[in-house]
Amino acid sequence: MTKKLKPIKYLTEGLIENQYERGGKVLKNKLGIRKKREMDEMEGVAFQKAQIHFYKLFSEDPSPSITENVIRKMHHHWLKKIYAWAGSKYPPAEPGALSRQRRDWPLKGA
């Protein structure tokens, strides 16, 4: 019998990354955007710019190692003009959740 794992989550209640613009469909942002389609477009344009930047960075020899800090920098570079919390260090998952996930990988029945 396979043990069912809980998804790794962090609590966001009361944190800035869980606040929405009036209307409740778009996360609170620096630009005051309230329409989902407009936000999707803004994030997409920012993502394309970030891809170009990081493609150049990772094309260098030697390319940097991918670490938690590098991923945070990538997230910040991508969304810094849109969200105040871009690249911030999220609260940790439930104690032991990540090590349990690694130990039980690959998930059976998923």
C-alpha atoms as a PDB file:
ATOM      1  CA  MET A   1       0.000   0.000   0.000  1.00  0.00           C
ATOM      2  CA  THR A   2       1.425   3.364  -1.040  1.00  0.00           C
ATOM      3  CA  LYS A   3       1.432   6.182   1.480  1.00  0.00           C
ATOM      4  CA  LYS A   4      -0.309   9.280   0.110  1.00  0.00           C
ATOM      5  CA  LEU A   5       1.842  12.378   0.590  1.00  0.00           C
ATOM      6  CA  LYS A   6       0.529  15.795   1.414  1.00  0.00           C
ATOM      7  CA  PRO A   7       1.486  18.452  -1.115  1.00  0.00           C
ATOM      8  CA  ILE A   8       4.265  20.765   0.003  1.00  0.00           C
ATOM      9  CA  LYS A   9       2.681  24.077   0.877  1.00  0.00           C
ATOM     10  CA  TYR A  10       3.586  27.173   2.780  1.00  0.00           C
ATOM     11  CA  LEU A  11       1.149  29.357   4.611  1.00  0.00           C
ATOM     12  CA  THR A  12       0.504  32.684   2.938  1.00  0.00           C
ATOM     13  CA  GLU A  13      -2.402  33.957   5.015  1.00  0.00           C
ATOM     14  CA  GLY A  14      -1.693  37.569   5.931  1.00  0.00           C
ATOM     15  CA  LEU A  15       1.416  37.758   3.739  1.00  0.00           C
ATOM     16  CA  ILE A  16       1.814  40.189   0.859  1.00  0.00           C
ATOM     17  CA  GLU A  17       1.902  37.394  -1.740  1.00  0.00           C
ATOM     18  CA  ASN A  18      -1.651  36.422  -0.731  1.00  0.00           C
ATOM     19  CA  GLN A  19      -3.209  39.854  -1.246  1.00  0.00           C
ATOM     20  CA  TYR A  20      -5.377  40.641  -4.238  1.00  0.00           C
ATOM     21  CA  GLU A  21      -6.350  43.767  -6.106  1.00  0.00           C
ATOM     22  CA  ARG A  22      -9.969  44.831  -5.732  1.00  0.00           C
ATOM     23  CA  GLY A  23     -12.036  42.281  -7.636  1.00  0.00           C
ATOM     24  CA  GLY A  24     -10.028  39.324  -6.328  1.00  0.00           C
ATOM     25  CA  LYS A  25      -8.658  37.867  -9.577  1.00  0.00           C
ATOM     26  CA  VAL A  26      -5.220  39.483  -9.743  1.00  0.00           C
ATOM     27  CA  LEU A  27      -2.528  39.538  -7.073  1.00  0.00           C
ATOM     28  CA  LYS A  28      -1.778  42.921  -5.538  1.00  0.00           C
ATOM     29  CA  ASN A  29       0.846  44.506  -7.719  1.00  0.00           C
ATOM     30  CA  LYS A  30       2.953  47.642  -8.115  1.00  0.00           C
ATOM     31  CA  LEU A  31       1.145  48.609 -11.319  1.00  0.00           C
ATOM     32  CA  GLY A  32      -2.407  48.525  -9.981  1.00  0.00           C
ATOM     33  CA  ILE A  33      -3.461  46.074 -12.704  1.00  0.00           C
ATOM     34  CA  ARG A  34      -6.839  44.460 -11.959  1.00  0.00           C
ATOM     35  CA  LYS A  35      -7.616  42.594 -15.182  1.00  0.00           C
ATOM     36  CA  LYS A  36      -6.278  39.033 -15.415  1.00  0.00           C
ATOM     37  CA  ARG A  37      -5.678  39.214 -19.162  1.00  0.00           C
ATOM     38  CA  GLU A  38      -3.635  42.407 -18.749  1.00  0.00           C
ATOM     39  CA  MET A  39      -1.596  40.836 -15.932  1.00  0.00           C
ATOM     40  CA  ASP A  40      -0.991  37.675 -17.955  1.00  0.00           C
ATOM     41  CA  GLU A  41       0.342  39.818 -20.782  1.00  0.00           C
ATOM     42  CA  MET A  42       2.540  41.902 -18.448  1.00  0.00           C
ATOM     43  CA  GLU A  43       4.002  38.786 -16.797  1.00  0.00           C
ATOM     44  CA  GLY A  44       4.562  37.206 -20.235  1.00  0.00           C
ATOM     45  CA  VAL A  45       6.507  40.196 -21.558  1.00  0.00           C
ATOM     46  CA  ALA A  46       8.578  40.305 -18.366  1.00  0.00           C
ATOM     47  CA  PHE A  47       9.224  36.558 -18.662  1.00  0.00           C
ATOM     48  CA  GLN A  48      10.504  36.920 -22.221  1.00  0.00           C
ATOM     49  CA  LYS A  49      12.957  39.606 -21.097  1.00  0.00           C
ATOM     50  CA  ALA A  50      14.099  37.463 -18.165  1.00  0.00           C
ATOM     51  CA  GLN A  51      14.591  34.460 -20.481  1.00  0.00           C
ATOM     52  CA  ILE A  52      16.941  36.463 -22.699  1.00  0.00           C
ATOM     53  CA  HIS A  53      18.908  37.739 -19.696  1.00  0.00           C
ATOM     54  CA  PHE A  54      19.316  34.300 -18.132  1.00  0.00           C
ATOM     55  CA  TYR A  55      19.976  32.550 -21.441  1.00  0.00           C
ATOM     56  CA  LYS A  56      23.001  34.818 -21.848  1.00  0.00           C
ATOM     57  CA  LEU A  57      24.076  34.231 -18.236  1.00  0.00           C
ATOM     58  CA  PHE A  58      23.809  30.439 -18.480  1.00  0.00           C
ATOM     59  CA  SER A  59      25.546  30.425 -21.863  1.00  0.00           C
ATOM     60  CA  GLU A  60      28.743  31.667 -20.229  1.00  0.00           C
ATOM     61  CA  ASP A  61      31.544  29.216 -19.635  1.00  0.00           C
ATOM     62  CA  PRO A  62      31.444  28.110 -16.906  1.00  0.00           C
ATOM     63  CA  SER A  63      27.744  28.674 -16.344  1.00  0.00           C
ATOM     64  CA  PRO A  64      26.620  29.304 -12.762  1.00  0.00           C
ATOM     65  CA  SER A  65      25.284  26.466 -10.659  1.00  0.00           C
ATOM     66  CA  ILE A  66      21.561  26.496 -10.127  1.00  0.00           C
ATOM     67  CA  THR A  67      21.053  27.127  -6.443  1.00  0.00           C
ATOM     68  CA  GLU A  68      18.182  28.397  -4.319  1.00  0.00           C
ATOM     69  CA  ASN A  69      19.753  31.846  -4.431  1.00  0.00           C
ATOM     70  CA  VAL A  70      20.013  31.797  -8.246  1.00  0.00           C
ATOM     71  CA  ILE A  71      16.372  30.725  -8.550  1.00  0.00           C
ATOM     72  CA  ARG A  72      15.360  33.565  -6.220  1.00  0.00           C
ATOM     73  CA  LYS A  73      17.370  36.013  -8.354  1.00  0.00           C
ATOM     74  CA  MET A  74      15.655  34.699 -11.490  1.00  0.00           C
ATOM     75  CA  HIS A  75      12.231  35.168  -9.898  1.00  0.00           C
ATOM     76  CA  HIS A  76      13.182  38.685  -8.780  1.00  0.00           C
ATOM     77  CA  HIS A  77      14.553  39.630 -12.193  1.00  0.00           C
ATOM     78  CA  TRP A  78      11.376  38.368 -13.869  1.00  0.00           C
ATOM     79  CA  LEU A  79       8.750  39.952 -11.589  1.00  0.00           C
ATOM     80  CA  LYS A  80      10.478  42.821  -9.721  1.00  0.00           C
ATOM     81  CA  LYS A  81       8.656  45.550 -11.660  1.00  0.00           C
ATOM     82  CA  ILE A  82       5.287  43.888 -11.034  1.00  0.00           C
ATOM     83  CA  TYR A  83       5.287  42.493  -7.470  1.00  0.00           C
ATOM     84  CA  ALA A  84       6.927  43.837  -4.312  1.00  0.00           C
ATOM     85  CA  TRP A  85       7.548  40.283  -3.082  1.00  0.00           C
ATOM     86  CA  ALA A  86       9.312  39.025  -6.232  1.00  0.00           C
ATOM     87  CA  GLY A  87      12.347  36.947  -5.320  1.00  0.00           C
ATOM     88  CA  SER A  88      11.609  36.973  -1.606  1.00  0.00           C
ATOM     89  CA  LYS A  89      12.365  33.946   0.487  1.00  0.00           C
ATOM     90  CA  TYR A  90       9.096  32.170   1.110  1.00  0.00           C
ATOM     91  CA  PRO A  91       8.209  30.806   4.531  1.00  0.00           C
ATOM     92  CA  PRO A  92       9.413  27.216   4.899  1.00  0.00           C
ATOM     93  CA  ALA A  93       7.179  24.262   4.120  1.00  0.00           C
ATOM     94  CA  GLU A  94       5.880  22.053   6.896  1.00  0.00           C
ATOM     95  CA  PRO A  95       8.913  20.709   8.854  1.00  0.00           C
ATOM     96  CA  GLY A  96      10.372  17.684   7.088  1.00  0.00           C
ATOM     97  CA  ALA A  97       8.063  17.931   4.057  1.00  0.00           C
ATOM     98  CA  LEU A  98      10.810  18.475   1.507  1.00  0.00           C
ATOM     99  CA  SER A  99      13.035  15.680   2.818  1.00  0.00           C
ATOM    100  CA  ARG A 100       9.991  13.339   2.876  1.00  0.00           C
ATOM    101  CA  GLN A 101       9.191  14.302  -0.706  1.00  0.00           C
ATOM    102  CA  ARG A 102      12.765  13.526  -1.797  1.00  0.00           C
ATOM    103  CA  ARG A 103      12.821  10.228   0.081  1.00  0.00           C
ATOM    104  CA  ASP A 104       9.545   9.063  -1.433  1.00  0.00           C
ATOM    105  CA  TRP A 105      10.302  10.215  -4.987  1.00  0.00           C
ATOM    106  CA  PRO A 106       9.052   9.133  -7.462  1.00  0.00           C
ATOM    107  CA  LEU A 107       5.519   9.266  -6.138  1.00  0.00           C
ATOM    108  CA  LYS A 108       3.703   6.054  -6.825  1.00  0.00           C
ATOM    109  CA  GLY A 109       0.197   6.298  -8.176  1.00  0.00           C
ATOM    110  CA  ALA A 110       0.624   9.944  -9.122  1.00  0.00           C
END
